[in-house]
Amino acid sequence: MTPDVLLVVLLSALALAGVLLQASAAVGRKRRSGRARTRARRAVAGEARARRLLRAAGYRIEAAQPRTQLRLCVEGAWTEVELRADFLCTRAGRRYVADAKTGAEAPGLGCAATRRQLLEYRLAYPVDGALLVDAERGHVLRVEFEAPGAGVRL
């Protein structure tokens, strides 16, 4: 094989590899965006089911997707982060922040991210308690947190 032919073959192979890499990346992006759309549809349906579950359990929904600010001090500098819960609701004169979850793990309190989110909401919203709504299994759970040593229950 002459050097010119070898160069053409090598450049063709590199071009083909580039095309294959781009095609693989495009398939990966499409697959990821499809999963994101599926998750988003599941979340929207879960919130609709959660709304019905809360009402059936005797809660009156005051607001959906209520926003609030949580102030944090880091090394002496104050900053605010915006939070958005799923619902604010009331029952028997008490006010609650509610978070709707779907899926296999997130609706359980064994999921650290769910516990942290509920605790963050409980601290940030002016409420008497937090609710975890398992939209797929049909459960509304009232969740309380205790601050060890302080004798304070949140």
N, C-alpha and C. Protein backbone atom coordinates (compact mmCIF):
# COMPACT_ATOMS: atom_id res chain seq x y z
N MET A 1 0.86 -1.17 0.00
CA MET A 1 0.00 0.00 0.00
C MET A 1 0.90 1.23 0.00
N THR A 2 0.59 2.17 -0.88
CA THR A 2 1.41 3.37 -0.98
C THR A 2 1.07 4.30 0.19
N PRO A 3 1.99 5.20 0.51
CA PRO A 3 1.73 6.14 1.61
C PRO A 3 0.48 6.98 1.38
N ASP A 4 0.19 7.35 0.12
CA ASP A 4 -1.01 8.16 -0.16
C ASP A 4 -2.28 7.37 0.13
N VAL A 5 -2.32 6.11 -0.27
CA VAL A 5 -3.49 5.26 -0.04
C VAL A 5 -3.65 5.02 1.46
N LEU A 6 -2.54 4.77 2.14
CA LEU A 6 -2.57 4.55 3.59
C LEU A 6 -3.12 5.79 4.30
N LEU A 7 -2.72 6.97 3.87
CA LEU A 7 -3.21 8.22 4.46
C LEU A 7 -4.71 8.38 4.24
N VAL A 8 -5.21 8.06 3.06
CA VAL A 8 -6.63 8.14 2.75
C VAL A 8 -7.41 7.16 3.62
N VAL A 9 -6.91 5.95 3.76
CA VAL A 9 -7.58 4.94 4.59
C VAL A 9 -7.61 5.41 6.04
N LEU A 10 -6.50 5.91 6.54
CA LEU A 10 -6.42 6.39 7.93
C LEU A 10 -7.37 7.56 8.16
N LEU A 11 -7.40 8.53 7.27
CA LEU A 11 -8.30 9.68 7.40
C LEU A 11 -9.76 9.23 7.31
N SER A 12 -10.05 8.28 6.45
CA SER A 12 -11.42 7.76 6.33
C SER A 12 -11.84 7.07 7.63
N ALA A 13 -10.93 6.30 8.20
CA ALA A 13 -11.22 5.61 9.46
C ALA A 13 -11.46 6.61 10.58
N LEU A 14 -10.66 7.66 10.62
CA LEU A 14 -10.85 8.71 11.65
C LEU A 14 -12.17 9.43 11.45
N ALA A 15 -12.52 9.73 10.22
CA ALA A 15 -13.79 10.40 9.94
C ALA A 15 -14.96 9.51 10.35
N LEU A 16 -14.87 8.23 10.04
CA LEU A 16 -15.92 7.29 10.41
C LEU A 16 -16.04 7.20 11.94
N ALA A 17 -14.92 7.16 12.62
CA ALA A 17 -14.94 7.10 14.09
C ALA A 17 -15.61 8.36 14.65
N GLY A 18 -15.32 9.51 14.08
CA GLY A 18 -15.95 10.76 14.52
C GLY A 18 -17.46 10.73 14.32
N VAL A 19 -17.89 10.24 13.17
CA VAL A 19 -19.33 10.15 12.89
C VAL A 19 -20.00 9.20 13.87
N LEU A 20 -19.36 8.07 14.14
CA LEU A 20 -19.92 7.09 15.08
C LEU A 20 -20.00 7.66 16.50
N LEU A 21 -18.98 8.40 16.90
CA LEU A 21 -19.01 9.03 18.24
C LEU A 21 -20.13 10.05 18.34
N GLN A 22 -20.31 10.85 17.30
CA GLN A 22 -21.40 11.84 17.31
C GLN A 22 -22.76 11.16 17.34
N ALA A 23 -22.91 10.10 16.58
CA ALA A 23 -24.18 9.38 16.57
C ALA A 23 -24.45 8.75 17.93
N SER A 24 -23.43 8.19 18.55
CA SER A 24 -23.59 7.60 19.88
C SER A 24 -23.97 8.66 20.90
N ALA A 25 -23.35 9.82 20.84
CA ALA A 25 -23.68 10.90 21.77
C ALA A 25 -25.12 11.37 21.55
N ALA A 26 -25.55 11.45 20.32
CA ALA A 26 -26.93 11.89 20.02
C ALA A 26 -27.94 10.88 20.57
N VAL A 27 -27.65 9.60 20.42
CA VAL A 27 -28.55 8.57 20.96
C VAL A 27 -28.60 8.68 22.48
N GLY A 28 -27.46 8.90 23.12
CA GLY A 28 -27.42 9.05 24.57
C GLY A 28 -28.22 10.26 25.04
N ARG A 29 -28.08 11.38 24.33
CA ARG A 29 -28.86 12.58 24.69
C ARG A 29 -30.35 12.33 24.54
N LYS A 30 -30.73 11.68 23.46
CA LYS A 30 -32.15 11.39 23.23
C LYS A 30 -32.69 10.47 24.31
N ARG A 31 -31.92 9.46 24.69
CA ARG A 31 -32.35 8.52 25.73
C ARG A 31 -32.50 9.25 27.07
N ARG A 32 -31.52 10.10 27.41
CA ARG A 32 -31.59 10.85 28.67
C ARG A 32 -32.76 11.82 28.67
N SER A 33 -33.01 12.50 27.56
CA SER A 33 -34.12 13.45 27.51
C SER A 33 -35.45 12.72 27.58
N GLY A 34 -35.51 11.52 27.00
CA GLY A 34 -36.72 10.71 27.09
C GLY A 34 -37.00 10.29 28.53
N ARG A 35 -35.95 9.91 29.27
CA ARG A 35 -36.12 9.55 30.68
C ARG A 35 -36.56 10.76 31.49
N ALA A 36 -36.00 11.93 31.18
CA ALA A 36 -36.38 13.15 31.90
C ALA A 36 -37.85 13.48 31.64
N ARG A 37 -38.30 13.33 30.40
CA ARG A 37 -39.72 13.58 30.11
C ARG A 37 -40.61 12.59 30.84
N THR A 38 -40.20 11.33 30.90
CA THR A 38 -40.98 10.32 31.61
C THR A 38 -41.05 10.66 33.09
N ARG A 39 -39.92 11.06 33.69
CA ARG A 39 -39.91 11.45 35.11
C ARG A 39 -40.80 12.65 35.34
N ALA A 40 -40.76 13.62 34.44
CA ALA A 40 -41.57 14.83 34.60
C ALA A 40 -43.06 14.49 34.52
N ARG A 41 -43.44 13.64 33.57
CA ARG A 41 -44.86 13.22 33.47
C ARG A 41 -45.29 12.48 34.72
N ARG A 42 -44.42 11.63 35.23
CA ARG A 42 -44.74 10.87 36.45
C ARG A 42 -44.89 11.81 37.64
N ALA A 43 -44.04 12.82 37.73
CA ALA A 43 -44.13 13.77 38.83
C ALA A 43 -45.42 14.59 38.77
N VAL A 44 -45.79 15.05 37.58
CA VAL A 44 -47.02 15.83 37.42
C VAL A 44 -48.24 14.97 37.80
N ALA A 45 -48.26 13.73 37.32
CA ALA A 45 -49.37 12.83 37.67
C ALA A 45 -49.37 12.54 39.16
N GLY A 46 -48.18 12.40 39.75
CA GLY A 46 -48.07 12.15 41.18
C GLY A 46 -48.59 13.32 42.00
N GLU A 47 -48.31 14.53 41.57
CA GLU A 47 -48.82 15.70 42.29
C GLU A 47 -50.34 15.79 42.20
N ALA A 48 -50.91 15.42 41.07
CA ALA A 48 -52.37 15.42 40.95
C ALA A 48 -52.97 14.38 41.89
N ARG A 49 -52.35 13.19 41.96
CA ARG A 49 -52.83 12.16 42.88
C ARG A 49 -52.65 12.60 44.33
N ALA A 50 -51.53 13.26 44.61
CA ALA A 50 -51.26 13.74 45.98
C ALA A 50 -52.32 14.75 46.40
N ARG A 51 -52.70 15.63 45.50
CA ARG A 51 -53.75 16.62 45.80
C ARG A 51 -55.04 15.89 46.21
N ARG A 52 -55.42 14.87 45.44
CA ARG A 52 -56.63 14.11 45.77
C ARG A 52 -56.49 13.37 47.11
N LEU A 53 -55.31 12.80 47.35
CA LEU A 53 -55.08 12.09 48.61
C LEU A 53 -55.16 13.02 49.81
N LEU A 54 -54.57 14.21 49.68
CA LEU A 54 -54.62 15.17 50.78
C LEU A 54 -56.06 15.57 51.08
N ARG A 55 -56.80 15.87 50.04
CA ARG A 55 -58.22 16.25 50.23
C ARG A 55 -59.00 15.11 50.87
N ALA A 56 -58.79 13.89 50.39
CA ALA A 56 -59.50 12.73 50.95
C ALA A 56 -59.14 12.50 52.42
N ALA A 57 -57.93 12.91 52.82
CA ALA A 57 -57.49 12.76 54.21
C ALA A 57 -57.93 13.94 55.07
N GLY A 58 -58.70 14.86 54.50
CA GLY A 58 -59.24 15.97 55.27
C GLY A 58 -58.40 17.24 55.28
N TYR A 59 -57.39 17.31 54.44
CA TYR A 59 -56.55 18.51 54.36
C TYR A 59 -57.15 19.47 53.32
N ARG A 60 -57.08 20.76 53.64
CA ARG A 60 -57.50 21.80 52.70
C ARG A 60 -56.23 22.41 52.12
N ILE A 61 -56.12 22.39 50.81
CA ILE A 61 -54.92 22.89 50.16
C ILE A 61 -55.01 24.41 50.04
N GLU A 62 -54.05 25.09 50.65
CA GLU A 62 -53.97 26.56 50.59
C GLU A 62 -53.22 27.03 49.36
N ALA A 63 -52.15 26.31 49.01
CA ALA A 63 -51.32 26.73 47.88
C ALA A 63 -50.61 25.52 47.28
N ALA A 64 -50.45 25.57 45.97
CA ALA A 64 -49.66 24.56 45.25
C ALA A 64 -48.39 25.25 44.75
N GLN A 65 -47.29 24.57 44.88
CA GLN A 65 -45.98 25.08 44.47
C GLN A 65 -45.63 26.41 45.17
N PRO A 66 -45.88 26.53 46.49
CA PRO A 66 -45.55 27.80 47.16
C PRO A 66 -44.04 27.97 47.29
N ARG A 67 -43.61 29.18 47.05
CA ARG A 67 -42.18 29.50 47.15
C ARG A 67 -41.90 30.22 48.46
N THR A 68 -40.69 30.03 48.97
CA THR A 68 -40.23 30.77 50.13
C THR A 68 -38.72 30.89 50.04
N GLN A 69 -38.16 31.70 50.93
CA GLN A 69 -36.72 31.89 50.99
C GLN A 69 -36.18 31.28 52.28
N LEU A 70 -35.03 30.65 52.21
CA LEU A 70 -34.34 30.15 53.39
C LEU A 70 -33.03 30.92 53.48
N ARG A 71 -32.83 31.55 54.64
CA ARG A 71 -31.60 32.33 54.83
C ARG A 71 -30.53 31.45 55.46
N LEU A 72 -29.33 31.54 54.91
CA LEU A 72 -28.19 30.77 55.39
C LEU A 72 -27.02 31.71 55.64
N CYS A 73 -26.27 31.46 56.69
CA CYS A 73 -25.08 32.24 56.96
C CYS A 73 -23.88 31.31 56.80
N VAL A 74 -23.01 31.66 55.87
CA VAL A 74 -21.82 30.86 55.61
C VAL A 74 -20.60 31.76 55.82
N GLU A 75 -19.81 31.43 56.83
CA GLU A 75 -18.60 32.20 57.14
C GLU A 75 -18.93 33.69 57.33
N GLY A 76 -20.04 33.96 57.99
CA GLY A 76 -20.41 35.34 58.29
C GLY A 76 -21.16 36.07 57.19
N ALA A 77 -21.31 35.45 56.04
CA ALA A 77 -22.01 36.09 54.92
C ALA A 77 -23.38 35.45 54.75
N TRP A 78 -24.42 36.27 54.80
CA TRP A 78 -25.80 35.77 54.65
C TRP A 78 -26.17 35.66 53.19
N THR A 79 -26.89 34.62 52.89
CA THR A 79 -27.39 34.41 51.54
C THR A 79 -28.78 33.79 51.65
N GLU A 80 -29.54 33.87 50.59
CA GLU A 80 -30.87 33.28 50.56
C GLU A 80 -30.95 32.28 49.41
N VAL A 81 -31.66 31.19 49.67
CA VAL A 81 -31.95 30.23 48.61
C VAL A 81 -33.46 30.11 48.51
N GLU A 82 -33.93 29.94 47.30
CA GLU A 82 -35.37 29.81 47.10
C GLU A 82 -35.77 28.33 47.17
N LEU A 83 -36.86 28.08 47.86
CA LEU A 83 -37.42 26.74 47.94
C LEU A 83 -38.82 26.74 47.36
N ARG A 84 -39.25 25.59 46.85
CA ARG A 84 -40.61 25.45 46.36
C ARG A 84 -41.12 24.07 46.75
N ALA A 85 -42.05 24.06 47.68
CA ALA A 85 -42.67 22.80 48.12
C ALA A 85 -43.80 22.46 47.17
N ASP A 86 -44.38 21.30 47.37
CA ASP A 86 -45.51 20.92 46.52
C ASP A 86 -46.81 21.57 46.98
N PHE A 87 -47.07 21.55 48.30
CA PHE A 87 -48.34 22.09 48.81
C PHE A 87 -48.16 22.69 50.20
N LEU A 88 -48.98 23.69 50.49
CA LEU A 88 -49.25 24.13 51.85
C LEU A 88 -50.70 23.79 52.10
N CYS A 89 -50.98 23.16 53.24
CA CYS A 89 -52.36 22.76 53.52
C CYS A 89 -52.65 22.85 55.01
N THR A 90 -53.93 22.80 55.34
CA THR A 90 -54.36 22.89 56.73
C THR A 90 -55.33 21.76 57.04
N ARG A 91 -55.35 21.41 58.31
CA ARG A 91 -56.35 20.46 58.81
C ARG A 91 -56.42 20.66 60.33
N ALA A 92 -57.63 20.75 60.82
CA ALA A 92 -57.89 20.87 62.27
C ALA A 92 -57.10 22.03 62.88
N GLY A 93 -57.05 23.15 62.17
CA GLY A 93 -56.39 24.34 62.70
C GLY A 93 -54.87 24.30 62.64
N ARG A 94 -54.30 23.30 62.03
CA ARG A 94 -52.83 23.20 61.91
C ARG A 94 -52.44 23.32 60.44
N ARG A 95 -51.27 23.90 60.22
CA ARG A 95 -50.79 24.16 58.87
C ARG A 95 -49.59 23.24 58.58
N TYR A 96 -49.55 22.70 57.36
CA TYR A 96 -48.51 21.73 56.99
C TYR A 96 -47.90 22.09 55.63
N VAL A 97 -46.64 21.71 55.48
CA VAL A 97 -45.99 21.74 54.18
C VAL A 97 -45.98 20.28 53.71
N ALA A 98 -46.39 20.05 52.47
CA ALA A 98 -46.50 18.68 51.95
C ALA A 98 -45.61 18.50 50.73
N ASP A 99 -44.97 17.34 50.69
CA ASP A 99 -44.12 17.00 49.56
C ASP A 99 -44.61 15.68 48.98
N ALA A 100 -44.93 15.69 47.70
CA ALA A 100 -45.41 14.49 47.01
C ALA A 100 -44.23 13.78 46.37
N LYS A 101 -44.18 12.47 46.53
CA LYS A 101 -43.11 11.67 45.95
C LYS A 101 -43.68 10.52 45.15
N THR A 102 -42.93 10.12 44.13
CA THR A 102 -43.28 8.95 43.33
C THR A 102 -42.03 8.08 43.22
N GLY A 103 -42.20 6.87 42.77
CA GLY A 103 -41.06 5.99 42.57
C GLY A 103 -40.92 4.97 43.67
N ALA A 104 -39.86 4.19 43.58
CA ALA A 104 -39.66 3.10 44.52
C ALA A 104 -39.00 3.55 45.82
N GLU A 105 -38.04 4.48 45.75
CA GLU A 105 -37.28 4.84 46.94
C GLU A 105 -37.69 6.17 47.57
N ALA A 106 -37.89 7.19 46.77
CA ALA A 106 -38.11 8.54 47.29
C ALA A 106 -39.27 8.67 48.27
N PRO A 107 -40.38 7.93 48.11
CA PRO A 107 -41.48 8.11 49.06
C PRO A 107 -41.19 7.61 50.47
N GLY A 108 -40.11 6.89 50.67
CA GLY A 108 -39.81 6.34 51.98
C GLY A 108 -38.87 7.23 52.77
N LEU A 109 -39.01 7.19 54.09
CA LEU A 109 -38.12 7.98 54.94
C LEU A 109 -36.75 7.34 55.06
N GLY A 110 -36.57 6.17 54.48
CA GLY A 110 -35.25 5.57 54.39
C GLY A 110 -34.38 6.28 53.37
N CYS A 111 -34.98 7.10 52.54
CA CYS A 111 -34.26 7.87 51.52
C CYS A 111 -33.75 9.17 52.14
N ALA A 112 -32.44 9.30 52.26
CA ALA A 112 -31.85 10.46 52.93
C ALA A 112 -32.24 11.78 52.26
N ALA A 113 -32.31 11.79 50.94
CA ALA A 113 -32.66 13.03 50.23
C ALA A 113 -34.08 13.48 50.60
N THR A 114 -34.99 12.53 50.75
CA THR A 114 -36.36 12.86 51.13
C THR A 114 -36.41 13.43 52.54
N ARG A 115 -35.70 12.80 53.49
CA ARG A 115 -35.66 13.31 54.87
C ARG A 115 -35.10 14.72 54.91
N ARG A 116 -34.00 14.93 54.20
CA ARG A 116 -33.37 16.27 54.21
C ARG A 116 -34.31 17.31 53.60
N GLN A 117 -35.00 16.95 52.55
CA GLN A 117 -35.91 17.89 51.90
C GLN A 117 -37.06 18.25 52.84
N LEU A 118 -37.64 17.26 53.50
CA LEU A 118 -38.72 17.54 54.44
C LEU A 118 -38.25 18.40 55.60
N LEU A 119 -37.06 18.12 56.12
CA LEU A 119 -36.53 18.93 57.22
C LEU A 119 -36.27 20.37 56.76
N GLU A 120 -35.74 20.53 55.58
CA GLU A 120 -35.50 21.87 55.02
C GLU A 120 -36.83 22.62 54.88
N TYR A 121 -37.84 21.97 54.33
CA TYR A 121 -39.15 22.60 54.20
C TYR A 121 -39.73 22.95 55.56
N ARG A 122 -39.58 22.05 56.51
CA ARG A 122 -40.14 22.28 57.85
C ARG A 122 -39.51 23.51 58.50
N LEU A 123 -38.23 23.71 58.26
CA LEU A 123 -37.53 24.88 58.81
C LEU A 123 -37.89 26.17 58.07
N ALA A 124 -38.11 26.07 56.78
CA ALA A 124 -38.25 27.27 55.95
C ALA A 124 -39.68 27.82 55.90
N TYR A 125 -40.67 26.96 56.00
CA TYR A 125 -42.06 27.41 55.87
C TYR A 125 -42.67 27.63 57.26
N PRO A 126 -43.54 28.63 57.41
CA PRO A 126 -44.21 28.87 58.69
C PRO A 126 -45.36 27.88 58.90
N VAL A 127 -45.01 26.67 59.33
CA VAL A 127 -45.99 25.58 59.45
C VAL A 127 -45.86 24.89 60.80
N ASP A 128 -46.84 24.05 61.09
CA ASP A 128 -46.84 23.24 62.31
C ASP A 128 -46.25 21.85 62.08
N GLY A 129 -46.11 21.44 60.83
CA GLY A 129 -45.59 20.11 60.55
C GLY A 129 -45.37 19.87 59.07
N ALA A 130 -44.84 18.69 58.78
CA ALA A 130 -44.55 18.30 57.39
C ALA A 130 -45.31 17.02 57.05
N LEU A 131 -45.69 16.91 55.79
CA LEU A 131 -46.39 15.73 55.30
C LEU A 131 -45.61 15.14 54.13
N LEU A 132 -45.47 13.83 54.13
CA LEU A 132 -44.89 13.12 53.00
C LEU A 132 -46.02 12.36 52.34
N VAL A 133 -46.26 12.66 51.07
CA VAL A 133 -47.35 12.02 50.33
C VAL A 133 -46.76 11.04 49.34
N ASP A 134 -47.02 9.76 49.57
CA ASP A 134 -46.60 8.72 48.64
C ASP A 134 -47.73 8.58 47.63
N ALA A 135 -47.58 9.27 46.52
CA ALA A 135 -48.66 9.38 45.54
C ALA A 135 -49.00 8.05 44.88
N GLU A 136 -48.04 7.17 44.75
CA GLU A 136 -48.30 5.92 44.05
C GLU A 136 -48.93 4.86 44.95
N ARG A 137 -48.61 4.89 46.23
CA ARG A 137 -49.16 3.89 47.15
C ARG A 137 -50.35 4.42 47.94
N GLY A 138 -50.63 5.73 47.81
CA GLY A 138 -51.82 6.30 48.43
C GLY A 138 -51.70 6.59 49.92
N HIS A 139 -50.50 6.96 50.38
CA HIS A 139 -50.29 7.24 51.80
C HIS A 139 -49.98 8.72 52.03
N VAL A 140 -50.54 9.27 53.10
CA VAL A 140 -50.17 10.61 53.58
C VAL A 140 -49.59 10.41 54.97
N LEU A 141 -48.31 10.72 55.13
CA LEU A 141 -47.62 10.51 56.40
C LEU A 141 -47.25 11.85 57.04
N ARG A 142 -47.62 12.04 58.30
CA ARG A 142 -47.20 13.23 59.05
C ARG A 142 -45.83 12.92 59.64
N VAL A 143 -44.86 13.79 59.37
CA VAL A 143 -43.47 13.56 59.78
C VAL A 143 -43.06 14.64 60.77
N GLU A 144 -42.53 14.22 61.91
CA GLU A 144 -42.02 15.16 62.91
C GLU A 144 -40.53 14.91 63.08
N PHE A 145 -39.81 15.96 63.40
CA PHE A 145 -38.38 15.88 63.64
C PHE A 145 -38.12 16.33 65.07
N GLU A 146 -37.16 15.69 65.73
CA GLU A 146 -36.80 16.09 67.09
C GLU A 146 -35.36 16.56 67.08
N ALA A 147 -35.13 17.72 67.69
CA ALA A 147 -33.78 18.24 67.81
C ALA A 147 -33.17 17.66 69.08
N PRO A 148 -32.22 16.73 68.98
CA PRO A 148 -31.66 16.08 70.16
C PRO A 148 -31.06 17.09 71.15
N GLY A 149 -31.31 16.85 72.42
CA GLY A 149 -30.74 17.69 73.45
C GLY A 149 -31.48 18.99 73.67
N ALA A 150 -32.22 19.44 72.69
CA ALA A 150 -32.91 20.73 72.80
C ALA A 150 -34.33 20.54 73.30
N GLY A 151 -34.81 19.29 73.26
CA GLY A 151 -36.19 19.04 73.67
C GLY A 151 -37.19 19.71 72.75
N VAL A 152 -36.78 20.02 71.54
CA VAL A 152 -37.65 20.72 70.58
C VAL A 152 -38.08 19.73 69.53
N ARG A 153 -39.34 19.75 69.24
CA ARG A 153 -39.88 18.89 68.18
C ARG A 153 -40.34 19.79 67.04
N LEU A 154 -39.88 19.49 65.86
CA LEU A 154 -40.24 20.28 64.67
C LEU A 154 -41.28 19.55 63.86
